[in-house]
Amino acid sequence: MSNQMTYKERIEALGALGEDIIENILTKEGFDVVRSEDKYDSEKDFLVQGKKVEVKTVVPWFTENALTIDARQFPKCFNADYVIFICVPSKGLSNHSNNKYDGNIYTVLPKEVKWVSKTTRNGLPKCLVRINQPGVILCHTITDEKTLNKLQELTTSAS
């Protein structure tokens, strides 16, 4: 199915799946969750208990032990109250990948963490948040194999 999708369609489907996962978890935990009606909302994906929340579904940058966003997304993430990262399973994506982050969900306090600018080997500007620092909190781990496989199937990452 996803092999026939365009790159853009896969990115959008992966992001939508990540948002569905977070909405379900937060709702089950009793939080008041309001999803943005505009999928291109420039401020947030959700309001949770009245706070702006941005969701990023990513394969970690393993050699940096970091979560990454496209540099163009930095203002939106930095100005959110919380950024929630879902770690896509990495099995076989590169010789640096391992399974230690697979399915982990981190809540990041964007104004309390140190952001690092890096460029990928393909020349793409990224902003990184190293996982082992104050302000990066492991809050949940996805263990459902069907969900993990769907995340991995949709990823466009090669590293």
Protein backbone atom coordinates (compact mmCIF):
# COMPACT_ATOMS: atom_id res chain seq x y z
CA MET A 1 0.00 0.00 0.00
CA SER A 2 2.50 2.67 1.11
CA ASN A 3 4.95 1.70 -1.66
CA GLN A 4 2.51 3.23 -4.15
CA MET A 5 2.25 6.48 -2.20
CA THR A 6 4.27 9.53 -3.17
CA TYR A 7 6.92 10.88 -0.81
CA LYS A 8 4.59 13.73 0.21
CA GLU A 9 1.67 11.36 0.78
CA ARG A 10 3.84 9.15 3.01
CA ILE A 11 5.01 12.14 5.08
CA GLU A 12 1.42 13.31 5.52
CA ALA A 13 0.16 9.80 6.36
CA LEU A 14 2.97 9.29 8.89
CA GLY A 15 2.23 12.64 10.53
CA ALA A 16 -1.51 11.91 10.65
CA LEU A 17 -0.86 8.48 12.19
CA GLY A 18 1.38 10.06 14.82
CA GLU A 19 -1.29 12.61 15.66
CA ASP A 20 -3.93 9.86 15.92
CA ILE A 21 -1.69 7.90 18.30
CA ILE A 22 -1.09 10.92 20.55
CA GLU A 23 -4.75 11.95 20.52
CA ASN A 24 -5.78 8.43 21.56
CA ILE A 25 -3.20 8.19 24.35
CA LEU A 26 -3.97 11.62 25.78
CA THR A 27 -7.74 11.11 25.59
CA LYS A 28 -7.46 7.73 27.35
CA GLU A 29 -5.38 9.39 30.07
CA GLY A 30 -8.18 11.90 30.65
CA PHE A 31 -6.69 15.02 29.05
CA ASP A 32 -8.88 17.57 27.29
CA VAL A 33 -7.64 17.32 23.68
CA VAL A 34 -8.75 19.63 20.85
CA ARG A 35 -7.25 18.83 17.47
CA SER A 36 -6.54 21.70 15.12
CA GLU A 37 -9.09 21.82 12.31
CA ASP A 38 -6.41 23.11 9.92
CA LYS A 39 -3.81 20.44 9.11
CA TYR A 40 -1.44 23.27 8.15
CA ASP A 41 -2.00 25.20 11.42
CA SER A 42 1.13 27.33 11.91
CA GLU A 43 0.97 27.19 15.72
CA LYS A 44 0.00 23.69 16.86
CA ASP A 45 -1.47 20.29 16.13
CA PHE A 46 -3.52 20.21 19.35
CA LEU A 47 -4.61 22.17 22.34
CA VAL A 48 -4.20 19.91 25.38
CA GLN A 49 -5.56 21.36 28.62
CA GLY A 50 -5.34 24.71 26.80
CA LYS A 51 -1.61 24.30 25.96
CA LYS A 52 -0.23 24.31 22.39
CA VAL A 53 1.16 20.88 21.43
CA GLU A 54 3.07 19.99 18.28
CA VAL A 55 3.51 16.31 17.31
CA LYS A 56 6.52 15.04 15.34
CA THR A 57 6.78 11.45 14.12
CA VAL A 58 10.46 10.80 13.38
CA VAL A 59 13.27 8.30 13.10
CA PRO A 60 15.90 9.47 15.60
CA TRP A 61 19.32 10.61 14.37
CA PHE A 62 21.17 7.68 15.95
CA THR A 63 24.73 8.93 15.75
CA GLU A 64 23.60 12.11 17.53
CA ASN A 65 21.22 10.36 19.98
CA ALA A 66 18.75 13.03 18.96
CA LEU A 67 15.24 13.79 17.82
CA THR A 68 15.11 15.95 14.72
CA ILE A 69 12.89 18.39 12.91
CA ASP A 70 13.23 20.16 9.61
CA ALA A 71 14.82 23.54 10.36
CA ARG A 72 11.78 25.29 8.82
CA GLN A 73 9.64 23.73 11.59
CA PHE A 74 11.78 25.21 14.39
CA PRO A 75 9.74 28.40 15.01
CA LYS A 76 6.50 26.40 15.26
CA CYS A 77 8.05 23.85 17.63
CA PHE A 78 9.91 26.41 19.72
CA ASN A 79 6.73 28.44 20.23
CA ALA A 80 4.62 25.44 21.25
CA ASP A 81 4.20 24.65 24.93
CA TYR A 82 5.13 21.02 24.30
CA VAL A 83 6.53 19.05 21.38
CA ILE A 84 5.74 15.35 21.43
CA PHE A 85 8.07 13.10 19.43
CA ILE A 86 7.10 9.58 18.39
CA CYS A 87 10.13 7.45 17.49
CA VAL A 88 9.51 5.37 14.38
CA PRO A 89 11.04 1.87 14.49
CA SER A 90 14.44 1.83 12.85
CA LYS A 91 15.04 -1.82 11.99
CA GLY A 92 17.35 -2.04 9.02
CA LEU A 93 17.18 1.60 7.97
CA SER A 94 20.93 2.08 8.31
CA ASN A 95 24.00 0.48 9.80
CA HIS A 96 23.73 2.98 12.69
CA SER A 97 20.18 2.07 13.62
CA ASN A 98 19.30 0.11 16.69
CA ASN A 99 16.06 -0.59 18.43
CA LYS A 100 16.57 1.34 21.65
CA TYR A 101 14.22 4.19 20.70
CA ASP A 102 11.60 2.19 18.76
CA GLY A 103 8.11 3.25 19.79
CA ASN A 104 9.30 5.69 22.45
CA ILE A 105 7.24 8.83 22.89
CA TYR A 106 9.03 11.84 24.33
CA THR A 107 7.56 15.08 25.60
CA VAL A 108 9.94 17.96 24.96
CA LEU A 109 9.78 21.33 26.69
CA PRO A 110 11.00 23.41 23.74
CA LYS A 111 12.21 26.44 25.69
CA GLU A 112 14.05 24.34 28.28
CA VAL A 113 16.11 22.13 25.97
CA LYS A 114 19.25 22.89 24.00
CA TRP A 115 18.60 22.84 20.25
CA VAL A 116 21.46 22.10 17.84
CA SER A 117 21.57 22.98 14.14
CA LYS A 118 23.02 20.32 11.84
CA THR A 119 22.97 19.55 8.15
CA THR A 120 22.34 16.02 6.90
CA ARG A 121 24.71 14.36 4.46
CA ASN A 122 22.12 15.29 1.80
CA GLY A 123 22.41 18.97 2.70
CA LEU A 124 19.11 19.28 4.55
CA PRO A 125 19.13 21.70 7.51
CA LYS A 126 17.82 20.11 10.71
CA CYS A 127 17.30 21.12 14.32
CA LEU A 128 18.16 18.46 16.85
CA VAL A 129 17.23 17.84 20.46
CA ARG A 130 19.55 15.36 22.14
CA ILE A 131 17.46 12.81 24.02
CA ASN A 132 19.56 12.63 27.19
CA GLN A 133 19.00 16.12 28.59
CA PRO A 134 16.65 17.83 31.02
CA GLY A 135 13.42 18.84 29.30
CA VAL A 136 13.19 15.60 27.26
CA ILE A 137 10.88 13.20 29.06
CA LEU A 138 10.13 9.61 28.03
CA CYS A 139 6.39 9.48 28.70
CA HIS A 140 5.15 6.38 26.86
CA THR A 141 6.34 3.46 24.73
CA ILE A 142 4.25 1.98 21.94
CA THR A 143 4.35 -1.81 22.21
CA ASP A 144 1.58 -2.75 19.77
CA GLU A 145 3.38 -4.49 16.87
CA LYS A 146 0.71 -3.52 14.32
CA THR A 147 1.14 0.17 15.15
CA LEU A 148 4.95 -0.09 15.14
CA ASN A 149 4.91 -1.85 11.75
CA LYS A 150 2.60 0.81 10.28
CA LEU A 151 4.91 3.59 11.50
CA GLN A 152 7.92 1.86 9.98
CA GLU A 153 6.12 1.16 6.72
CA LEU A 154 5.30 4.84 6.25
CA THR A 155 8.69 6.31 7.10
CA THR A 156 10.61 8.04 4.36
CA SER A 157 13.82 8.00 6.37
CA ALA A 158 16.90 6.14 5.17
CA SER A 159 18.98 6.64 8.30
